[in-house]
Amino acid sequence: MNHAILTIDDVASKNTPAIVDYLNEKGIKAVLFATGQNVENHYEEAMYAVKHGMIVGNHSYSHPQFSKLSIPECLEEIVKCENVLDELYADCGVKRTVRPFRFPYGDKGGIGRPILQQYLKENHFHKLDDSKLTYPWWKANNLHVDIDTLWSFDFAEYAIRPDSGFTKENVWARMHDMNPRFGAALFGEGNAHILLLHAHDETEEMLPGYYKLFLDHLLENGVIFDEPKFI
């Protein structure tokens, strides 16, 4: 039996309410990592996610590569997004009880990684409970102690773009690759995952209902979606 926690990056978008409705219909509670800019550009859609039970976390303000920024610039990205999310939750009338963070591109800041992890810890960001992930590489890379939320499987559906040559068939191949170069096999005996999807209107245009297509496949194959817990 496989377990998974769903995370969705780059909220908010035009298709965010439809994604939220689908998740609630299926009984899946997800962590939606939002950039401050996207929330500002799609504020009503972001409010819809909060009001309908999703956890909206910090994905930086403008989605830069943190290893290319100075530490003060990294902290500014985090703080600016925090301010946007605090206002969002307040406008929704919902108490913000957890503050998860995900680095854009999974870029933890290069040589600044220890400083940024300490900042996240000291400023009371919340770590997603990843105790079900027992892959040796997860521990070897200190992912079990890092405060930010990485992932163990990326659908990579964001690559479905005009003239990219990447299609839903490539996503299917990733989903059924039993020996992936990165991460862990999606389907395996007793596997547990932190899954990564994206809320992209561009993907919706290319493959309408893409999130339903891939998540339905997981449900049909017995994957159990766990409610995110934080430590």
Protein backbone atom coordinates (compact mmCIF):
# COMPACT_ATOMS: atom_id res chain seq x y z
CA MET A 1 0.00 0.00 0.00
CA ASN A 2 1.46 3.35 -1.06
CA HIS A 3 0.97 6.60 0.85
CA ALA A 4 1.42 10.13 -0.44
CA ILE A 5 1.19 13.75 0.63
CA LEU A 6 0.27 16.09 -2.19
CA THR A 7 1.96 19.46 -2.66
CA ILE A 8 1.17 21.90 -5.45
CA ASP A 9 3.51 24.73 -6.41
CA ASP A 10 3.12 28.20 -7.92
CA VAL A 11 -0.32 29.04 -6.55
CA ALA A 12 -2.33 31.05 -7.28
CA SER A 13 -3.61 30.70 -10.84
CA LYS A 14 -6.88 30.87 -12.73
CA ASN A 15 -7.31 27.12 -12.38
CA THR A 16 -6.64 27.07 -8.63
CA PRO A 17 -10.37 26.99 -7.63
CA ALA A 18 -11.02 24.07 -9.99
CA ILE A 19 -8.05 22.20 -8.53
CA VAL A 20 -9.30 22.89 -5.00
CA ASP A 21 -12.81 21.68 -5.87
CA TYR A 22 -11.39 18.46 -7.31
CA LEU A 23 -9.22 17.86 -4.25
CA ASN A 24 -12.15 18.36 -1.89
CA GLU A 25 -14.31 16.08 -4.00
CA LYS A 26 -11.66 13.36 -3.65
CA GLY A 27 -10.99 14.05 0.03
CA ILE A 28 -7.40 15.15 -0.59
CA LYS A 29 -5.97 17.91 1.58
CA ALA A 30 -2.89 19.41 -0.03
CA VAL A 31 -0.21 21.95 0.74
CA LEU A 32 -0.31 24.69 -1.90
CA PHE A 33 2.97 26.58 -2.10
CA ALA A 34 2.32 30.13 -3.28
CA THR A 35 4.52 32.89 -4.58
CA GLY A 36 3.66 36.34 -3.33
CA GLN A 37 3.42 37.69 -6.86
CA ASN A 38 1.00 34.98 -7.97
CA VAL A 39 -1.19 35.56 -4.94
CA GLU A 40 -1.29 39.27 -5.68
CA ASN A 41 -2.14 38.59 -9.34
CA HIS A 42 -4.83 36.00 -8.51
CA TYR A 43 -6.00 37.10 -5.09
CA GLU A 44 -9.58 35.82 -5.28
CA GLU A 45 -8.34 32.43 -6.41
CA ALA A 46 -5.88 32.31 -3.50
CA MET A 47 -8.66 33.23 -1.08
CA TYR A 48 -10.76 30.42 -2.51
CA ALA A 49 -8.03 27.90 -1.63
CA VAL A 50 -7.74 29.12 1.96
CA LYS A 51 -11.49 29.32 2.51
CA HIS A 52 -11.95 25.80 1.16
CA GLY A 53 -9.53 24.12 3.52
CA MET A 54 -6.20 24.02 1.75
CA ILE A 55 -2.91 24.92 3.44
CA VAL A 56 -1.18 27.75 1.59
CA GLY A 57 2.55 27.93 2.23
CA ASN A 58 5.46 30.19 1.29
CA HIS A 59 7.21 29.61 -2.05
CA SER A 60 9.08 32.96 -2.03
CA TYR A 61 7.82 36.22 -3.47
CA SER A 62 9.13 36.07 -7.05
CA HIS A 63 10.40 32.47 -7.49
CA PRO A 64 14.15 33.09 -7.90
CA GLN A 65 17.01 30.61 -7.59
CA PHE A 66 18.15 31.19 -4.02
CA SER A 67 21.74 30.08 -4.70
CA LYS A 68 22.09 33.11 -7.00
CA LEU A 69 20.99 35.57 -4.30
CA SER A 70 22.73 37.07 -1.32
CA ILE A 71 21.46 36.02 2.11
CA PRO A 72 19.68 39.38 2.62
CA GLU A 73 18.01 38.97 -0.77
CA CYS A 74 16.90 35.44 0.15
CA LEU A 75 15.42 36.63 3.41
CA GLU A 76 13.62 39.47 1.65
CA GLU A 77 12.00 36.96 -0.70
CA ILE A 78 10.77 34.91 2.25
CA VAL A 79 9.55 37.87 4.30
CA LYS A 80 7.73 39.55 1.40
CA CYS A 81 5.80 36.37 0.70
CA GLU A 82 5.06 35.91 4.42
CA ASN A 83 3.54 39.38 4.52
CA VAL A 84 1.33 38.60 1.53
CA LEU A 85 0.18 35.31 3.08
CA ASP A 86 -0.52 36.90 6.47
CA GLU A 87 -2.75 39.42 4.73
CA LEU A 88 -4.40 36.68 2.66
CA TYR A 89 -5.33 34.60 5.70
CA ALA A 90 -6.54 37.69 7.56
CA ASP A 91 -8.76 38.68 4.63
CA CYS A 92 -10.19 35.15 4.60
CA GLY A 93 -10.92 35.26 8.31
CA VAL A 94 -8.91 32.05 8.75
CA LYS A 95 -6.26 31.61 11.44
CA ARG A 96 -2.87 30.77 9.97
CA THR A 97 -1.69 27.91 12.14
CA VAL A 98 1.21 26.48 10.07
CA ARG A 99 3.92 28.16 7.99
CA PRO A 100 5.56 25.66 5.61
CA PHE A 101 8.19 26.84 3.14
CA ARG A 102 9.48 25.48 -0.16
CA PHE A 103 12.48 26.80 -2.05
CA PRO A 104 11.82 27.53 -5.74
CA TYR A 105 13.30 24.79 -7.93
CA GLY A 106 14.28 22.98 -4.73
CA ASP A 107 17.31 25.30 -4.67
CA LYS A 108 18.16 25.49 -0.97
CA GLY A 109 20.60 28.37 -1.32
CA GLY A 110 23.91 26.70 -2.08
CA ILE A 111 26.55 27.65 0.48
CA GLY A 112 23.88 29.68 2.28
CA ARG A 113 21.84 26.57 3.03
CA PRO A 114 22.79 26.29 6.75
CA ILE A 115 22.03 29.96 7.36
CA LEU A 116 18.64 29.72 5.64
CA GLN A 117 17.72 26.55 7.52
CA GLN A 118 18.58 28.24 10.78
CA TYR A 119 16.46 31.23 9.79
CA LEU A 120 13.48 29.00 9.04
CA LYS A 121 13.89 27.24 12.37
CA GLU A 122 14.32 30.40 14.44
CA ASN A 123 11.34 32.06 12.76
CA HIS A 124 9.03 29.16 13.51
CA PHE A 125 8.41 27.80 10.04
CA HIS A 126 6.89 24.34 10.15
CA LYS A 127 8.41 21.14 8.85
CA LEU A 128 6.13 18.74 7.01
CA ASP A 129 6.15 15.37 8.76
CA ASP A 130 8.16 13.20 6.39
CA SER A 131 8.69 10.30 8.81
CA LYS A 132 7.11 7.79 6.40
CA LEU A 133 9.83 8.48 3.82
CA THR A 134 12.55 5.94 4.53
CA TYR A 135 14.69 6.26 1.40
CA PRO A 136 18.42 6.20 2.26
CA TRP A 137 19.08 9.19 -0.02
CA TRP A 138 16.51 11.27 1.85
CA LYS A 139 18.48 10.94 5.07
CA ALA A 140 21.88 11.10 3.36
CA ASN A 141 21.00 14.57 2.03
CA ASN A 142 19.74 15.74 5.44
CA LEU A 143 16.22 16.14 4.06
CA HIS A 144 14.84 14.52 7.20
CA VAL A 145 16.11 17.44 9.29
CA ASP A 146 15.73 20.39 6.89
CA ILE A 147 12.81 22.65 7.75
CA ASP A 148 11.76 23.35 4.18
CA THR A 149 9.56 20.97 2.21
CA LEU A 150 11.22 19.17 -0.69
CA TRP A 151 9.59 16.34 -2.66
CA SER A 152 10.33 12.73 -3.50
CA PHE A 153 8.40 12.56 -6.79
CA ASP A 154 7.87 15.30 -9.38
CA PHE A 155 5.30 14.71 -12.14
CA ALA A 156 7.14 17.35 -14.26
CA GLU A 157 3.86 18.17 -16.00
CA TYR A 158 4.98 21.81 -16.12
CA ALA A 159 7.14 20.80 -19.10
CA ILE A 160 4.04 20.23 -21.25
CA ARG A 161 4.34 23.30 -23.44
CA PRO A 162 4.03 24.12 -27.14
CA ASP A 163 6.95 22.67 -29.12
CA SER A 164 8.57 21.21 -25.99
CA GLY A 165 8.20 17.63 -27.17
CA PHE A 166 7.09 16.73 -23.64
CA THR A 167 3.58 15.26 -23.45
CA LYS A 168 1.31 13.41 -21.06
CA GLU A 169 2.94 10.19 -22.29
CA ASN A 170 6.22 11.42 -20.82
CA VAL A 171 4.46 11.99 -17.51
CA TRP A 172 3.01 8.47 -17.65
CA ALA A 173 6.53 7.14 -18.28
CA ARG A 174 7.84 9.02 -15.23
CA MET A 175 5.00 7.69 -13.11
CA HIS A 176 5.80 4.10 -14.05
CA ASP A 177 9.60 4.31 -14.08
CA MET A 178 10.74 1.81 -11.47
CA ASN A 179 14.36 3.06 -11.51
CA PRO A 180 14.23 6.86 -11.77
CA ARG A 181 17.46 8.82 -11.99
CA PHE A 182 16.23 11.18 -9.31
CA GLY A 183 13.87 10.58 -6.41
CA ALA A 184 12.10 7.27 -5.88
CA ALA A 185 9.71 5.12 -7.90
CA LEU A 186 6.15 6.33 -7.60
CA PHE A 187 4.70 2.84 -7.39
CA GLY A 188 6.47 0.33 -5.20
CA GLU A 189 5.93 -1.97 -2.28
CA GLY A 190 4.99 0.23 0.66
CA ASN A 191 6.39 3.45 -0.83
CA ALA A 192 5.61 6.82 0.69
CA HIS A 193 5.97 10.11 -1.16
CA ILE A 194 5.76 13.84 -1.04
CA LEU A 195 4.34 14.54 -4.50
CA LEU A 196 4.89 17.68 -6.57
CA LEU A 197 2.33 19.09 -9.02
CA HIS A 198 1.95 22.67 -10.24
CA ALA A 199 -0.98 25.05 -10.63
CA HIS A 200 -0.22 26.33 -14.12
CA ASP A 201 -2.81 27.76 -16.47
CA GLU A 202 -0.44 27.06 -19.37
CA THR A 203 -0.59 23.34 -18.61
CA GLU A 204 -4.37 23.54 -18.35
CA GLU A 205 -4.51 25.00 -21.85
CA MET A 206 -2.35 22.22 -23.25
CA LEU A 207 -3.95 19.36 -21.30
CA PRO A 208 -7.31 20.28 -19.73
CA GLY A 209 -7.83 18.67 -16.34
CA TYR A 210 -4.22 17.44 -16.21
CA TYR A 211 -4.29 17.23 -12.41
CA LYS A 212 -7.38 15.00 -12.49
CA LEU A 213 -5.78 12.75 -15.08
CA PHE A 214 -2.68 12.05 -13.02
CA LEU A 215 -4.19 12.02 -9.54
CA ASP A 216 -7.10 9.81 -10.60
CA HIS A 217 -4.52 7.34 -11.87
CA LEU A 218 -2.89 7.24 -8.44
CA LEU A 219 -6.24 6.75 -6.73
CA GLU A 220 -7.15 3.98 -9.15
CA ASN A 221 -3.87 2.26 -8.26
CA GLY A 222 -4.57 2.33 -4.54
CA VAL A 223 -2.44 5.29 -3.45
CA ILE A 224 -3.68 6.68 -0.13
CA PHE A 225 -3.38 10.43 0.29
CA ASP A 226 -2.44 11.35 3.85
CA GLU A 227 -3.45 14.62 5.45
CA PRO A 228 -0.35 16.81 5.85
CA LYS A 229 0.96 16.92 9.42
CA PHE A 230 3.58 19.35 10.68
CA ILE A 231 6.27 19.16 13.34
